[in-house]
C-alpha atoms as a PDB file:
ATOM      1  CA  MET A   1       0.005   0.028  -0.089  1.00  0.00           C
ATOM      2  CA  ILE A   2       2.794   2.438   1.010  1.00  0.00           C
ATOM      3  CA  LYS A   3       6.390   2.039  -0.225  1.00  0.00           C
ATOM      4  CA  ILE A   4       9.101   4.167   0.847  1.00  0.00           C
ATOM      5  CA  GLU A   5      12.534   3.823  -0.898  1.00  0.00           C
ATOM      6  CA  ASN A   6      15.736   5.624   0.234  1.00  0.00           C
ATOM      7  CA  VAL A   7      14.010   8.726   1.123  1.00  0.00           C
ATOM      8  CA  ILE A   8      16.223  11.681   2.137  1.00  0.00           C
ATOM      9  CA  LYS A   9      14.917  15.061   3.387  1.00  0.00           C
ATOM     10  CA  LYS A  10      17.169  17.871   4.189  1.00  0.00           C
ATOM     11  CA  ASN A  11      16.513  21.517   5.779  1.00  0.00           C
ATOM     12  CA  LYS A  12      19.400  23.634   4.815  1.00  0.00           C
ATOM     13  CA  ASN A  13      22.451  21.812   6.155  1.00  0.00           C
ATOM     14  CA  THR A  14      20.474  19.491   8.453  1.00  0.00           C
ATOM     15  CA  THR A  15      19.444  16.074   7.167  1.00  0.00           C
ATOM     16  CA  ILE A  16      15.940  15.257   8.765  1.00  0.00           C
ATOM     17  CA  LEU A  17      15.296  11.996   7.192  1.00  0.00           C
ATOM     18  CA  HIS A  18      18.379   9.586   6.367  1.00  0.00           C
ATOM     19  CA  ASP A  19      17.666   6.919   3.717  1.00  0.00           C
ATOM     20  CA  ILE A  20      14.396   5.739   4.986  1.00  0.00           C
ATOM     21  CA  ASN A  21      12.999   2.549   3.632  1.00  0.00           C
ATOM     22  CA  MET A  22       9.705   1.097   4.525  1.00  0.00           C
ATOM     23  CA  ASN A  23       7.094  -1.311   2.947  1.00  0.00           C
ATOM     24  CA  ILE A  24       3.633  -0.835   4.664  1.00  0.00           C
ATOM     25  CA  PRO A  25       1.193  -3.526   3.430  1.00  0.00           C
ATOM     26  CA  LYS A  26      -2.408  -3.020   2.941  1.00  0.00           C
ATOM     27  CA  GLY A  27      -4.683  -3.426   5.972  1.00  0.00           C
ATOM     28  CA  LYS A  28      -1.605  -3.151   8.549  1.00  0.00           C
ATOM     29  CA  CYS A  29      -1.261  -0.881  11.380  1.00  0.00           C
ATOM     30  CA  VAL A  30       2.197   0.283  11.562  1.00  0.00           C
ATOM     31  CA  GLY A  31       3.737   2.557  14.464  1.00  0.00           C
ATOM     32  CA  LEU A  32       6.460   5.032  14.299  1.00  0.00           C
ATOM     33  CA  ILE A  33       8.308   5.433  17.702  1.00  0.00           C
ATOM     34  CA  GLY A  34      11.090   7.957  18.445  1.00  0.00           C
ATOM     35  CA  HIS A  35      11.918  11.015  20.592  1.00  0.00           C
ATOM     36  CA  ASN A  36      10.972  14.524  19.539  1.00  0.00           C
ATOM     37  CA  GLY A  37      13.101  15.530  16.445  1.00  0.00           C
ATOM     38  CA  SER A  38      13.458  11.905  15.360  1.00  0.00           C
ATOM     39  CA  GLY A  39      11.733  12.410  12.002  1.00  0.00           C
ATOM     40  CA  LYS A  40       8.474  10.823  12.724  1.00  0.00           C
ATOM     41  CA  THR A  41       6.193  13.952  11.831  1.00  0.00           C
ATOM     42  CA  MET A  42       8.295  14.853   8.730  1.00  0.00           C
ATOM     43  CA  LEU A  43       8.021  11.269   7.486  1.00  0.00           C
ATOM     44  CA  LEU A  44       4.226  11.250   7.799  1.00  0.00           C
ATOM     45  CA  LYS A  45       4.248  14.689   5.842  1.00  0.00           C
ATOM     46  CA  ALA A  46       6.258  13.184   3.123  1.00  0.00           C
ATOM     47  CA  ILE A  47       3.908  10.278   2.909  1.00  0.00           C
ATOM     48  CA  CYS A  48       1.095  12.612   2.482  1.00  0.00           C
ATOM     49  CA  GLY A  49       2.857  14.716  -0.041  1.00  0.00           C
ATOM     50  CA  PHE A  50       2.874  17.799   2.345  1.00  0.00           C
ATOM     51  CA  THR A  51       6.557  18.401   1.997  1.00  0.00           C
ATOM     52  CA  LYS A  52       9.273  17.929  -0.513  1.00  0.00           C
ATOM     53  CA  ILE A  53      11.805  15.246  -0.227  1.00  0.00           C
ATOM     54  CA  ASP A  54      15.310  15.589  -1.557  1.00  0.00           C
ATOM     55  CA  SER A  55      15.743  12.154  -3.028  1.00  0.00           C
ATOM     56  CA  GLY A  56      14.107   8.709  -3.052  1.00  0.00           C
ATOM     57  CA  THR A  57      10.484   7.881  -3.770  1.00  0.00           C
ATOM     58  CA  ILE A  58       7.326   7.344  -1.808  1.00  0.00           C
ATOM     59  CA  LYS A  59       4.533   5.375  -3.654  1.00  0.00           C
ATOM     60  CA  VAL A  60       1.015   4.910  -2.296  1.00  0.00           C
ATOM     61  CA  LYS A  61      -0.990   2.308  -4.039  1.00  0.00           C
ATOM     62  CA  GLY A  62       1.668   2.318  -6.800  1.00  0.00           C
ATOM     63  CA  LYS A  63       1.347   6.064  -7.525  1.00  0.00           C
ATOM     64  CA  GLU A  64       4.342   8.210  -6.643  1.00  0.00           C
ATOM     65  CA  ILE A  65       3.603  11.013  -4.073  1.00  0.00           C
ATOM     66  CA  VAL A  66       5.242  14.278  -5.277  1.00  0.00           C
ATOM     67  CA  PHE A  67       5.063  17.518  -3.330  1.00  0.00           C
ATOM     68  CA  GLY A  68       2.989  20.034  -5.289  1.00  0.00           C
ATOM     69  CA  LYS A  69       1.738  17.614  -7.885  1.00  0.00           C
ATOM     70  CA  GLU A  70       0.519  14.388  -6.365  1.00  0.00           C
ATOM     71  CA  TYR A  71      -0.901  14.027  -2.837  1.00  0.00           C
ATOM     72  CA  ILE A  72      -2.237  11.128  -0.924  1.00  0.00           C
ATOM     73  CA  LYS A  73      -5.692  10.309  -1.781  1.00  0.00           C
ATOM     74  CA  ASP A  74      -8.600   8.432   0.050  1.00  0.00           C
ATOM     75  CA  SER A  75      -6.959   9.162   3.292  1.00  0.00           C
ATOM     76  CA  GLY A  76      -7.641  10.526   6.690  1.00  0.00           C
ATOM     77  CA  VAL A  77      -4.895  12.624   8.237  1.00  0.00           C
ATOM     78  CA  ILE A  78      -3.998  14.111  11.556  1.00  0.00           C
ATOM     79  CA  ILE A  79      -0.709  15.872  11.449  1.00  0.00           C
ATOM     80  CA  GLU A  80       0.067  18.558  14.156  1.00  0.00           C
ATOM     81  CA  HIS A  81      -2.848  20.783  14.408  1.00  0.00           C
ATOM     82  CA  PRO A  82      -5.378  20.924  11.483  1.00  0.00           C
ATOM     83  CA  PRO A  83      -7.225  24.152  11.482  1.00  0.00           C
ATOM     84  CA  PHE A  84     -10.766  24.463  12.500  1.00  0.00           C
ATOM     85  CA  ILE A  85     -13.332  27.220  11.851  1.00  0.00           C
ATOM     86  CA  ASN A  86     -13.652  28.090  15.417  1.00  0.00           C
ATOM     87  CA  TYR A  87     -16.691  30.429  15.341  1.00  0.00           C
ATOM     88  CA  ILE A  88     -19.021  27.634  13.798  1.00  0.00           C
ATOM     89  CA  SER A  89     -20.069  24.442  15.435  1.00  0.00           C
ATOM     90  CA  ALA A  90     -18.431  21.028  15.310  1.00  0.00           C
ATOM     91  CA  TRP A  91     -21.291  19.828  12.914  1.00  0.00           C
ATOM     92  CA  ASP A  92     -20.875  22.720  10.463  1.00  0.00           C
ATOM     93  CA  ASN A  93     -17.015  21.953  10.552  1.00  0.00           C
ATOM     94  CA  LEU A  94     -17.487  18.463   9.329  1.00  0.00           C
ATOM     95  CA  LYS A  95     -20.357  19.425   7.093  1.00  0.00           C
ATOM     96  CA  ILE A  96     -18.046  21.811   5.177  1.00  0.00           C
ATOM     97  CA  LEU A  97     -15.426  19.092   4.918  1.00  0.00           C
ATOM     98  CA  ALA A  98     -17.933  16.593   3.841  1.00  0.00           C
ATOM     99  CA  ASN A  99     -19.203  18.835   0.908  1.00  0.00           C
ATOM    100  CA  ILE A 100     -15.714  18.943  -0.555  1.00  0.00           C
ATOM    101  CA  ASN A 101     -15.909  15.298  -1.771  1.00  0.00           C
ATOM    102  CA  ASN A 102     -19.463  14.737  -1.412  1.00  0.00           C
ATOM    103  CA  LYS A 103     -18.966  11.058  -0.074  1.00  0.00           C
ATOM    104  CA  VAL A 104     -20.933  11.133   3.057  1.00  0.00           C
ATOM    105  CA  GLU A 105     -24.511  12.237   4.112  1.00  0.00           C
ATOM    106  CA  ASP A 106     -25.626  13.933   7.116  1.00  0.00           C
ATOM    107  CA  LYS A 107     -26.280  10.508   8.814  1.00  0.00           C
ATOM    108  CA  ASP A 108     -22.627   9.682   8.299  1.00  0.00           C
ATOM    109  CA  ILE A 109     -21.672  12.820  10.135  1.00  0.00           C
ATOM    110  CA  GLU A 110     -24.108  12.016  12.951  1.00  0.00           C
ATOM    111  CA  ASN A 111     -22.583   8.614  13.163  1.00  0.00           C
ATOM    112  CA  THR A 112     -19.168   9.857  13.333  1.00  0.00           C
ATOM    113  CA  LEU A 113     -19.935  12.218  16.151  1.00  0.00           C
ATOM    114  CA  LEU A 114     -21.664   9.519  18.130  1.00  0.00           C
ATOM    115  CA  LYS A 115     -18.615   7.215  17.543  1.00  0.00           C
ATOM    116  CA  THR A 116     -16.168   9.966  18.717  1.00  0.00           C
ATOM    117  CA  GLY A 117     -18.329  11.061  21.605  1.00  0.00           C
ATOM    118  CA  LEU A 118     -18.850  14.596  20.357  1.00  0.00           C
ATOM    119  CA  PHE A 119     -22.528  14.116  19.386  1.00  0.00           C
ATOM    120  CA  ASN A 120     -23.997  15.984  22.442  1.00  0.00           C
ATOM    121  CA  ASP A 121     -21.770  18.889  21.765  1.00  0.00           C
ATOM    122  CA  LYS A 122     -22.163  19.072  18.078  1.00  0.00           C
ATOM    123  CA  ASP A 123     -23.856  22.386  18.076  1.00  0.00           C
ATOM    124  CA  ARG A 124     -21.463  24.132  20.219  1.00  0.00           C
ATOM    125  CA  LYS A 125     -18.811  26.557  18.739  1.00  0.00           C
ATOM    126  CA  VAL A 126     -15.499  24.913  18.375  1.00  0.00           C
ATOM    127  CA  LYS A 127     -13.747  27.959  20.233  1.00  0.00           C
ATOM    128  CA  THR A 128     -15.515  26.684  23.436  1.00  0.00           C
ATOM    129  CA  PHE A 129     -14.042  23.186  23.013  1.00  0.00           C
ATOM    130  CA  SER A 130     -11.363  21.687  25.485  1.00  0.00           C
ATOM    131  CA  LEU A 131      -8.150  20.384  24.006  1.00  0.00           C
ATOM    132  CA  GLY A 132      -9.489  17.014  24.208  1.00  0.00           C
ATOM    133  CA  MET A 133     -12.707  17.792  22.485  1.00  0.00           C
ATOM    134  CA  LYS A 134     -10.757  19.498  19.700  1.00  0.00           C
ATOM    135  CA  GLN A 135      -8.685  16.291  19.249  1.00  0.00           C
ATOM    136  CA  LYS A 136     -11.777  14.213  19.097  1.00  0.00           C
ATOM    137  CA  LEU A 137     -13.034  16.727  16.304  1.00  0.00           C
ATOM    138  CA  ARG A 138      -9.667  16.014  14.365  1.00  0.00           C
ATOM    139  CA  ILE A 139     -10.191  12.317  14.757  1.00  0.00           C
ATOM    140  CA  ALA A 140     -13.779  12.813  13.420  1.00  0.00           C
ATOM    141  CA  GLN A 141     -12.457  14.766  10.420  1.00  0.00           C
ATOM    142  CA  ALA A 142      -9.938  11.886   9.777  1.00  0.00           C
ATOM    143  CA  ILE A 143     -12.422   8.973   9.848  1.00  0.00           C
ATOM    144  CA  MET A 144     -15.546  10.464   8.607  1.00  0.00           C
ATOM    145  CA  GLU A 145     -15.225   9.511   5.036  1.00  0.00           C
ATOM    146  CA  ASP A 146     -14.128   5.800   5.923  1.00  0.00           C
ATOM    147  CA  PRO A 147     -10.729   6.153   4.209  1.00  0.00           C
ATOM    148  CA  GLU A 148      -8.507   3.381   2.950  1.00  0.00           C
ATOM    149  CA  ILE A 149      -5.555   4.895   4.598  1.00  0.00           C
ATOM    150  CA  LEU A 150      -5.116   6.628   8.128  1.00  0.00           C
ATOM    151  CA  ILE A 151      -2.117   8.831   8.848  1.00  0.00           C
ATOM    152  CA  LEU A 152      -2.169   9.876  12.450  1.00  0.00           C
ATOM    153  CA  ASP A 153       0.456  11.768  14.346  1.00  0.00           C
ATOM    154  CA  GLU A 154      -0.038  11.402  18.085  1.00  0.00           C
ATOM    155  CA  PRO A 155      -3.939  10.882  17.709  1.00  0.00           C
ATOM    156  CA  PHE A 156      -4.240  10.061  21.473  1.00  0.00           C
ATOM    157  CA  ASN A 157      -2.832  13.481  22.635  1.00  0.00           C
ATOM    158  CA  GLY A 158      -5.305  15.355  24.882  1.00  0.00           C
ATOM    159  CA  LEU A 159      -7.562  12.333  25.350  1.00  0.00           C
ATOM    160  CA  ASP A 160      -8.540  11.060  28.861  1.00  0.00           C
ATOM    161  CA  ARG A 161      -8.415   7.428  29.657  1.00  0.00           C
ATOM    162  CA  ASP A 162     -12.032   6.534  28.392  1.00  0.00           C
ATOM    163  CA  SER A 163     -11.449   8.461  25.221  1.00  0.00           C
ATOM    164  CA  VAL A 164      -8.083   6.753  24.527  1.00  0.00           C
ATOM    165  CA  ALA A 165      -9.946   3.392  24.954  1.00  0.00           C
ATOM    166  CA  ASN A 166     -12.683   4.242  22.601  1.00  0.00           C
ATOM    167  CA  LEU A 167     -10.149   5.530  19.971  1.00  0.00           C
ATOM    168  CA  GLN A 168      -8.310   2.156  20.285  1.00  0.00           C
ATOM    169  CA  ASP A 169     -11.563   0.406  19.495  1.00  0.00           C
ATOM    170  CA  ILE A 170     -12.283   2.721  16.586  1.00  0.00           C
ATOM    171  CA  LEU A 171      -8.786   2.151  15.163  1.00  0.00           C
ATOM    172  CA  MET A 172      -9.013  -1.566  15.822  1.00  0.00           C
ATOM    173  CA  GLU A 173     -12.311  -1.685  13.846  1.00  0.00           C
ATOM    174  CA  PHE A 174     -10.692   0.197  11.049  1.00  0.00           C
ATOM    175  CA  LYS A 175      -7.783  -2.090  10.832  1.00  0.00           C
ATOM    176  CA  LEU A 176      -9.986  -5.191  10.880  1.00  0.00           C
ATOM    177  CA  SER A 177     -11.996  -3.728   7.899  1.00  0.00           C
ATOM    178  CA  GLY A 178      -8.891  -3.523   5.989  1.00  0.00           C
ATOM    179  CA  THR A 179      -7.811   0.063   6.487  1.00  0.00           C
ATOM    180  CA  THR A 180      -4.140   0.694   6.461  1.00  0.00           C
ATOM    181  CA  ILE A 181      -2.888   2.836   9.361  1.00  0.00           C
ATOM    182  CA  VAL A 182       0.411   4.596  10.148  1.00  0.00           C
ATOM    183  CA  LEU A 183       0.639   6.189  13.469  1.00  0.00           C
ATOM    184  CA  THR A 184       2.884   7.772  15.995  1.00  0.00           C
ATOM    185  CA  SER A 185       2.671   7.715  19.668  1.00  0.00           C
ATOM    186  CA  HIS A 186       4.750   8.724  22.609  1.00  0.00           C
ATOM    187  CA  ASP A 187       3.236   6.020  24.660  1.00  0.00           C
ATOM    188  CA  GLU A 188       4.371   2.546  23.532  1.00  0.00           C
ATOM    189  CA  ARG A 189       1.298   0.901  25.072  1.00  0.00           C
ATOM    190  CA  HIS A 190      -0.898   2.352  22.252  1.00  0.00           C
ATOM    191  CA  ILE A 191       1.587   0.937  19.633  1.00  0.00           C
ATOM    192  CA  GLU A 192       1.699  -2.463  21.222  1.00  0.00           C
ATOM    193  CA  ALA A 193      -2.147  -2.656  21.420  1.00  0.00           C
ATOM    194  CA  LEU A 194      -2.730  -1.718  17.699  1.00  0.00           C
ATOM    195  CA  CYS A 195       0.242  -2.170  15.520  1.00  0.00           C
ATOM    196  CA  ASP A 196       1.606  -5.266  13.542  1.00  0.00           C
ATOM    197  CA  GLU A 197       4.978  -3.636  12.958  1.00  0.00           C
ATOM    198  CA  VAL A 198       7.020  -0.948  14.501  1.00  0.00           C
ATOM    199  CA  PHE A 199       9.766   1.204  13.140  1.00  0.00           C
ATOM    200  CA  ILE A 200      12.031   3.016  15.811  1.00  0.00           C
ATOM    201  CA  LEU A 201      13.474   6.332  14.550  1.00  0.00           C
ATOM    202  CA  GLU A 202      16.317   8.084  15.828  1.00  0.00           C
ATOM    203  CA  GLY A 203      18.104  11.292  14.449  1.00  0.00           C
ATOM    204  CA  GLY A 204      16.001  10.731  11.182  1.00  0.00           C
ATOM    205  CA  LYS A 205      17.386   7.219  10.724  1.00  0.00           C
ATOM    206  CA  SER A 206      15.140   3.939  10.985  1.00  0.00           C
ATOM    207  CA  ILE A 207      17.406   2.122  13.493  1.00  0.00           C
ATOM    208  CA  GLU A 208      15.218  -0.920  14.231  1.00  0.00           C
ATOM    209  CA  HIS A 209      12.214  -2.654  12.657  1.00  0.00           C
ATOM    210  CA  LYS A 210      10.026  -5.064  14.777  1.00  0.00           C
ATOM    211  CA  VAL A 211       7.148  -7.252  13.961  1.00  0.00           C
ATOM    212  CA  LEU A 212       4.899  -7.628  16.902  1.00  0.00           C
ATOM    213  CA  ALA A 213       3.724 -11.063  18.225  1.00  0.00           C
ATOM    214  CA  HIS A 214       0.050 -10.427  17.459  1.00  0.00           C
ATOM    215  CA  ALA A 215       0.809  -9.442  13.783  1.00  0.00           C
END
């Protein structure tokens, strides 16, 4: 599903990604682990086509991803802090997004809000949301159109214990239905619960690849 070959990414005189190679099969959940600055977020941006790489190739479903030309398709993405329209409701934010591709109807938006635990707050303006509620809305944006691929950078950030368990259930459901998932988490328990494979990054290099026992 996602093939990364010899990817190098530089920023001026600093190499952020060093010769990264990964093969992520369809329907698998792959975790990226590493300290801040290890290159995890930059790699996710490169997979999506949100940043230019200096050399190497990234292919998704056989099509090369090229910054400014070809971006990832049929995907749900959480990278850093996707913007909301803060002065309108959670429902309206999702409705505007849904109108871009016209893949989902109002009942699908409703189901997504129920699934993520936001239904009772759907009419509240996003500017009144807590950090955890905003994270749930990011998750709702990512999963609403039932994508083939989920690219999730620290999706558990800001969530309380019950919401973490709920998100784990949501992601497991997607995985079992054949969705390909790439995620990062600073808490290795999330990785171990969900992922089939793990890549450990350090200083922009992939220093270890592990296949987990339940894969």
